[in-house]
Amino acid sequence: MDQPFWYIIANPAAGNGAVGRHWPDIERLLQELRFSYTVKFTEHRGHAIRLVEDAVLKGHRHFLALGGDGTNHEMANGILSQTVVPSTDIYYALLPIGTGNDWARMYDIPRQPRQRLIRLMEGKTVLQDAGKVTYQRDGRPESRFFINIAGMAYDAYIARQLDKHRFINRMQYLLMVGQYLFRYCLTPARLYFNDQTAEDFFYTINIGVCRYSGGGMQFVPQAIPDDGLFALTFARKLPKWEVLWSTPRFYNGTILSHPKISGFQTSHLRVEHIGDTPTLLEADGEFLGETPAEFFMLEKALRVVL
């Protein structure tokens, strides 16, 4: 069948500069495999969102991103925020070149460029759910879409710290997670979902469309990306030594067997802080802001090219 014309958005800084270093080889592959394409390189945070919106306005419908989870997050926000066409009219693909590549892990998308591009030519697609979250930042209401996992409390605290330091690799990430654990102070929050209320000093609150975060961790092993429901996991107050002791559970999908960790599915969630200290929020690994936060499900809103 005829191959589409791809609008490629590449983040040269992704993967600690891997996209920029490997672009000449990737371009040779694109030409060898007879792809039709144009390419734009992002220049700053948020640039991919604007590039997508402008390209859709100009008639482009097939997008290929080169980057990691942050680039993926921006691409999804560009597709879901534009109002020119229904979001499902747009075909979205990722060549994962990042540190975590957690969203790509859900679909077993190859990281090797040749394998990825050959599979892309098959044109197989799925429709995936997306989330929309409203929140506060610097006293102002804001909103953002996400297509992997949003995290609150300690998860968002870590995301804010990493936003300052820009870790180099997975091992450094894990070391920083352990280091900052002993600096973090739990704050109380209240959750509203499924006609239920949960109130506690939460270590973590995860709202997942897909399953993996943090380089392969499974805080929401019950997540199904096209069932119209968020996977909700929250961990109540735990001794810090027990958090470290439970680390294997984060990776092997057994986190919900811990007596202090609960898992649910819901299409809507509201999180409020109790007292004067807000609960922090991140989505797809990007620090966003703080409570009050409200999550809305968008069923089968993103067309993913596998």
Protein backbone atom coordinates (compact mmCIF):
# COMPACT_ATOMS: atom_id res chain seq x y z
CA MET A 1 0.00 0.00 0.00
CA ASP A 2 1.05 3.62 -0.41
CA GLN A 3 3.15 4.96 2.43
CA PRO A 4 2.04 8.27 4.02
CA PHE A 5 3.98 11.50 4.20
CA TRP A 6 5.42 11.74 7.71
CA TYR A 7 5.90 14.93 9.66
CA ILE A 8 8.87 14.10 11.88
CA ILE A 9 9.51 16.01 15.09
CA ALA A 10 12.88 15.24 16.64
CA ASN A 11 14.16 16.33 20.02
CA PRO A 12 17.96 16.52 19.56
CA ALA A 13 18.52 16.60 23.33
CA ALA A 14 16.56 13.41 24.05
CA GLY A 15 18.50 10.44 25.39
CA ASN A 16 21.25 12.80 26.56
CA GLY A 17 21.79 13.96 23.00
CA ALA A 18 21.31 10.57 21.34
CA VAL A 19 18.73 11.87 18.85
CA GLY A 20 21.08 14.58 17.66
CA ARG A 21 24.01 12.18 17.39
CA HIS A 22 22.10 9.47 15.55
CA TRP A 23 19.97 11.62 13.27
CA PRO A 24 22.31 11.30 10.23
CA ASP A 25 22.08 7.49 10.46
CA ILE A 26 18.30 7.62 10.95
CA GLU A 27 17.92 9.90 7.96
CA ARG A 28 19.90 7.47 5.81
CA LEU A 29 17.54 4.70 6.93
CA LEU A 30 14.50 6.80 6.08
CA GLN A 31 15.83 7.37 2.60
CA GLU A 32 16.86 3.74 2.18
CA LEU A 33 13.36 2.58 3.14
CA ARG A 34 11.84 5.22 0.84
CA PHE A 35 9.98 7.19 3.47
CA SER A 36 8.41 10.48 2.41
CA TYR A 37 8.92 13.00 5.19
CA THR A 38 9.87 16.40 6.44
CA VAL A 39 11.62 17.01 9.75
CA LYS A 40 11.61 19.70 12.40
CA PHE A 41 13.90 19.82 15.43
CA THR A 42 12.62 21.07 18.77
CA GLU A 43 14.46 24.03 20.25
CA HIS A 44 12.98 24.35 23.74
CA ARG A 45 10.49 22.81 26.15
CA GLY A 46 6.95 22.92 24.78
CA HIS A 47 8.13 23.41 21.20
CA ALA A 48 6.80 20.03 20.01
CA ILE A 49 3.27 21.01 21.09
CA ARG A 50 3.36 24.12 18.92
CA LEU A 51 4.94 22.26 15.98
CA VAL A 52 2.16 19.66 16.02
CA GLU A 53 -0.58 22.27 16.20
CA ASP A 54 0.90 24.25 13.30
CA ALA A 55 1.44 21.13 11.19
CA VAL A 56 -2.13 19.91 11.67
CA LEU A 57 -3.40 23.32 10.62
CA LYS A 58 -1.34 22.96 7.43
CA GLY A 59 -2.87 19.58 6.64
CA HIS A 60 -0.43 17.04 8.09
CA ARG A 61 -1.99 13.93 9.62
CA HIS A 62 0.92 11.48 10.14
CA PHE A 63 3.43 12.31 12.88
CA LEU A 64 6.61 10.52 13.92
CA ALA A 65 8.40 11.65 17.06
CA LEU A 66 12.05 10.97 17.81
CA GLY A 67 12.66 11.26 21.53
CA GLY A 68 11.78 9.97 24.96
CA ASP A 69 8.83 10.18 27.32
CA GLY A 70 9.02 13.96 27.55
CA THR A 71 8.83 14.35 23.78
CA ASN A 72 6.02 11.79 23.72
CA HIS A 73 4.11 13.85 26.30
CA GLU A 74 4.41 17.01 24.23
CA MET A 75 3.39 15.27 21.01
CA ALA A 76 0.27 13.90 22.66
CA ASN A 77 -0.61 17.33 24.01
CA GLY A 78 -0.25 18.85 20.56
CA ILE A 79 -2.52 16.22 19.02
CA LEU A 80 -5.14 16.32 21.75
CA SER A 81 -5.23 20.10 22.18
CA GLN A 82 -5.62 21.05 18.50
CA THR A 83 -9.17 21.69 17.33
CA VAL A 84 -8.76 21.45 13.54
CA VAL A 85 -9.72 17.77 13.21
CA PRO A 86 -10.80 14.99 15.57
CA SER A 87 -7.70 13.69 17.36
CA THR A 88 -8.33 10.19 16.00
CA ASP A 89 -7.86 11.50 12.44
CA ILE A 90 -4.18 11.93 13.33
CA TYR A 91 -1.76 8.99 13.18
CA TYR A 92 0.95 9.13 15.82
CA ALA A 93 4.15 7.06 16.06
CA LEU A 94 7.20 7.22 18.31
CA LEU A 95 10.75 6.11 17.70
CA PRO A 96 11.79 5.82 21.36
CA ILE A 97 15.20 7.36 22.01
CA GLY A 98 15.11 8.38 25.63
CA THR A 99 16.12 7.28 29.11
CA GLY A 100 12.96 5.57 30.36
CA ASN A 101 10.93 4.89 27.21
CA ASP A 102 8.09 3.72 29.45
CA TRP A 103 5.17 4.43 27.13
CA ALA A 104 6.89 2.57 24.29
CA ARG A 105 7.45 -0.38 26.64
CA MET A 106 3.68 -0.81 26.92
CA TYR A 107 3.46 -1.56 23.19
CA ASP A 108 6.82 -3.29 22.83
CA ILE A 109 7.88 -0.64 20.33
CA PRO A 110 11.44 -1.35 19.13
CA ARG A 111 14.18 1.07 20.13
CA GLN A 112 16.41 -0.01 17.25
CA PRO A 113 15.69 2.47 14.41
CA ARG A 114 15.65 -0.01 11.53
CA GLN A 115 13.28 -2.38 13.34
CA ARG A 116 11.06 0.50 14.34
CA LEU A 117 10.81 1.98 10.86
CA ILE A 118 10.13 -1.38 9.21
CA ARG A 119 7.31 -2.04 11.66
CA LEU A 120 6.00 1.47 11.05
CA MET A 121 5.57 0.62 7.37
CA GLU A 122 3.03 -2.07 8.31
CA GLY A 123 0.60 0.67 9.32
CA LYS A 124 -1.04 -1.19 12.22
CA THR A 125 -2.86 1.15 14.61
CA VAL A 126 -4.72 1.03 17.91
CA LEU A 127 -6.87 3.60 19.66
CA GLN A 128 -5.69 4.47 23.15
CA ASP A 129 -7.35 6.33 26.00
CA ALA A 130 -5.92 9.60 27.29
CA GLY A 131 -6.27 11.57 30.49
CA LYS A 132 -6.84 15.25 31.08
CA VAL A 133 -5.88 16.81 34.40
CA THR A 134 -6.72 20.26 35.75
CA TYR A 135 -4.48 21.64 38.50
CA GLN A 136 -2.90 24.74 40.00
CA ARG A 137 0.49 26.26 39.15
CA ASP A 138 1.73 29.41 40.82
CA GLY A 139 -1.82 30.15 41.93
CA ARG A 140 -3.31 29.85 38.44
CA PRO A 141 -5.54 27.07 37.06
CA GLU A 142 -4.00 25.04 34.24
CA SER A 143 -4.69 21.79 32.40
CA ARG A 144 -2.69 19.16 30.55
CA PHE A 145 -3.24 15.87 28.73
CA PHE A 146 -1.31 12.71 29.50
CA ILE A 147 -1.16 9.29 27.84
CA ASN A 148 0.94 7.25 30.25
CA ILE A 149 0.84 7.87 34.01
CA ALA A 150 0.30 10.84 36.28
CA GLY A 151 1.87 10.72 39.73
CA MET A 152 1.30 12.71 42.89
CA ALA A 153 3.01 13.16 46.24
CA TYR A 154 6.51 11.60 46.24
CA ASP A 155 6.41 10.83 42.49
CA ALA A 156 5.85 14.50 41.69
CA TYR A 157 8.42 15.60 44.26
CA ILE A 158 11.01 13.44 42.46
CA ALA A 159 9.93 14.78 39.07
CA ARG A 160 10.44 18.35 40.31
CA GLN A 161 13.91 17.51 41.66
CA LEU A 162 14.92 15.78 38.43
CA ASP A 163 13.65 18.78 36.50
CA LYS A 164 16.42 20.75 38.18
CA HIS A 165 19.20 18.19 37.83
CA ARG A 166 18.42 16.35 34.57
CA PHE A 167 19.68 12.87 35.45
CA ILE A 168 21.96 11.03 33.06
CA ASN A 169 20.87 7.41 33.19
CA ARG A 170 18.60 4.92 34.92
CA MET A 171 21.11 4.12 37.68
CA GLN A 172 21.44 7.79 38.59
CA TYR A 173 17.65 8.04 38.62
CA LEU A 174 17.35 5.17 41.10
CA LEU A 175 20.05 6.65 43.32
CA MET A 176 18.27 9.98 43.39
CA VAL A 177 14.94 8.32 44.17
CA GLY A 178 16.55 6.70 47.22
CA GLN A 179 18.41 9.84 48.23
CA TYR A 180 15.37 12.13 48.13
CA LEU A 181 13.19 9.59 49.93
CA PHE A 182 14.77 10.60 53.23
CA ARG A 183 14.23 14.31 52.55
CA TYR A 184 10.58 14.01 51.62
CA CYS A 185 7.90 14.92 54.16
CA LEU A 186 4.49 13.35 53.69
CA THR A 187 1.48 15.67 53.58
CA PRO A 188 -2.18 14.69 53.94
CA ALA A 189 -4.58 14.56 51.00
CA ARG A 190 -8.12 13.51 50.23
CA LEU A 191 -9.18 11.47 47.18
CA TYR A 192 -12.69 11.32 45.68
CA PHE A 193 -13.45 8.49 43.23
CA ASN A 194 -16.19 5.94 42.52
CA ASP A 195 -18.41 7.48 45.23
CA GLN A 196 -15.61 6.76 47.71
CA THR A 197 -13.31 8.98 49.76
CA ALA A 198 -9.78 8.11 50.88
CA GLU A 199 -7.89 10.34 53.27
CA ASP A 200 -4.33 9.80 54.51
CA PHE A 201 -0.67 10.82 54.39
CA PHE A 202 -0.05 9.29 50.97
CA TYR A 203 3.43 8.33 49.81
CA THR A 204 2.30 8.09 46.24
CA ILE A 205 -0.83 8.42 44.14
CA ASN A 206 -0.64 7.07 40.59
CA ILE A 207 -3.25 7.56 37.88
CA GLY A 208 -2.44 5.37 34.91
CA VAL A 209 -3.60 4.96 31.34
CA CYS A 210 -0.66 2.65 30.63
CA ARG A 211 1.37 0.47 32.97
CA TYR A 212 5.04 1.52 33.17
CA SER A 213 6.89 4.50 34.62
CA GLY A 214 10.27 5.31 36.12
CA GLY A 215 12.19 3.05 33.73
CA GLY A 216 10.03 -0.06 33.98
CA MET A 217 8.31 0.29 37.36
CA GLN A 218 4.71 -0.94 37.59
CA PHE A 219 2.82 1.24 40.05
CA VAL A 220 -0.40 0.62 38.10
CA PRO A 221 -0.14 -3.02 36.97
CA GLN A 222 -3.93 -3.08 36.51
CA ALA A 223 -3.82 -0.44 33.74
CA ILE A 224 -5.41 -1.26 30.37
CA PRO A 225 -4.84 1.50 27.79
CA ASP A 226 -8.18 1.20 26.00
CA ASP A 227 -10.77 0.24 28.64
CA GLY A 228 -12.05 3.75 29.36
CA LEU A 229 -10.79 3.67 32.95
CA PHE A 230 -7.83 5.02 34.86
CA ALA A 231 -5.85 2.60 36.98
CA LEU A 232 -5.61 4.22 40.40
CA THR A 233 -2.99 3.12 42.94
CA PHE A 234 -2.19 4.84 46.21
CA ALA A 235 0.22 4.00 49.00
CA ARG A 236 -0.66 5.06 52.52
CA LYS A 237 1.88 6.09 55.15
CA LEU A 238 4.80 3.64 55.32
CA PRO A 239 8.13 3.57 57.17
CA LYS A 240 10.83 4.70 54.77
CA TRP A 241 12.78 1.48 55.24
CA GLU A 242 9.68 -0.42 54.09
CA VAL A 243 9.47 1.66 50.93
CA LEU A 244 13.04 0.63 50.07
CA TRP A 245 12.37 -2.99 51.05
CA SER A 246 9.37 -3.04 48.71
CA THR A 247 11.38 -1.91 45.66
CA PRO A 248 11.19 -5.33 43.91
CA ARG A 249 7.39 -5.05 43.99
CA PHE A 250 7.63 -1.87 41.92
CA TYR A 251 9.11 -3.84 39.03
CA ASN A 252 7.47 -7.27 39.19
CA GLY A 253 3.85 -6.11 39.17
CA THR A 254 2.99 -7.28 42.70
CA ILE A 255 2.72 -3.85 44.32
CA LEU A 256 -1.02 -4.25 44.97
CA SER A 257 -0.40 -7.24 47.23
CA HIS A 258 1.11 -4.91 49.87
CA PRO A 259 -1.42 -4.29 52.68
CA LYS A 260 -0.83 -0.51 52.67
CA ILE A 261 -1.18 -0.14 48.89
CA SER A 262 -4.60 -0.08 47.22
CA GLY A 263 -5.60 -0.36 43.58
CA PHE A 264 -8.82 0.65 41.83
CA GLN A 265 -10.17 1.61 38.42
CA THR A 266 -12.11 4.79 37.84
CA SER A 267 -13.03 7.22 35.10
CA HIS A 268 -12.80 10.30 37.31
CA LEU A 269 -10.70 11.38 40.28
CA ARG A 270 -10.37 14.51 42.35
CA VAL A 271 -7.47 15.09 44.75
CA GLU A 272 -7.44 17.85 47.36
CA HIS A 273 -4.83 18.68 49.96
CA ILE A 274 -5.68 18.87 53.64
CA GLY A 275 -4.22 21.82 55.50
CA ASP A 276 -1.92 24.41 53.98
CA THR A 277 0.55 22.24 52.02
CA PRO A 278 -0.52 21.22 48.49
CA THR A 279 0.09 17.76 47.05
CA LEU A 280 2.42 17.91 44.03
CA LEU A 281 1.56 16.63 40.54
CA GLU A 282 3.49 15.26 37.56
CA ALA A 283 2.27 13.62 34.36
CA ASP A 284 4.28 11.42 31.99
CA GLY A 285 7.34 12.35 34.07
CA GLU A 286 6.86 16.11 33.61
CA PHE A 287 6.35 18.19 36.75
CA LEU A 288 3.15 20.21 36.39
CA GLY A 289 1.97 21.77 39.63
CA GLU A 290 -0.20 20.95 42.62
CA THR A 291 -3.63 20.34 44.09
CA PRO A 292 -6.50 20.72 43.78
CA ALA A 293 -6.26 18.34 40.81
CA GLU A 294 -9.03 16.66 38.85
CA PHE A 295 -8.66 13.86 36.32
CA PHE A 296 -10.96 13.19 33.37
CA MET A 297 -10.91 10.19 31.04
CA LEU A 298 -10.91 10.63 27.25
CA GLU A 299 -11.82 7.27 25.76
CA LYS A 300 -9.90 6.06 22.70
CA ALA A 301 -8.68 9.58 21.94
CA LEU A 302 -5.24 8.85 20.44
CA ARG A 303 -4.53 6.79 17.31
CA VAL A 304 -1.19 5.05 17.84
CA VAL A 305 0.78 3.56 14.96
CA LEU A 306 2.44 0.45 16.34
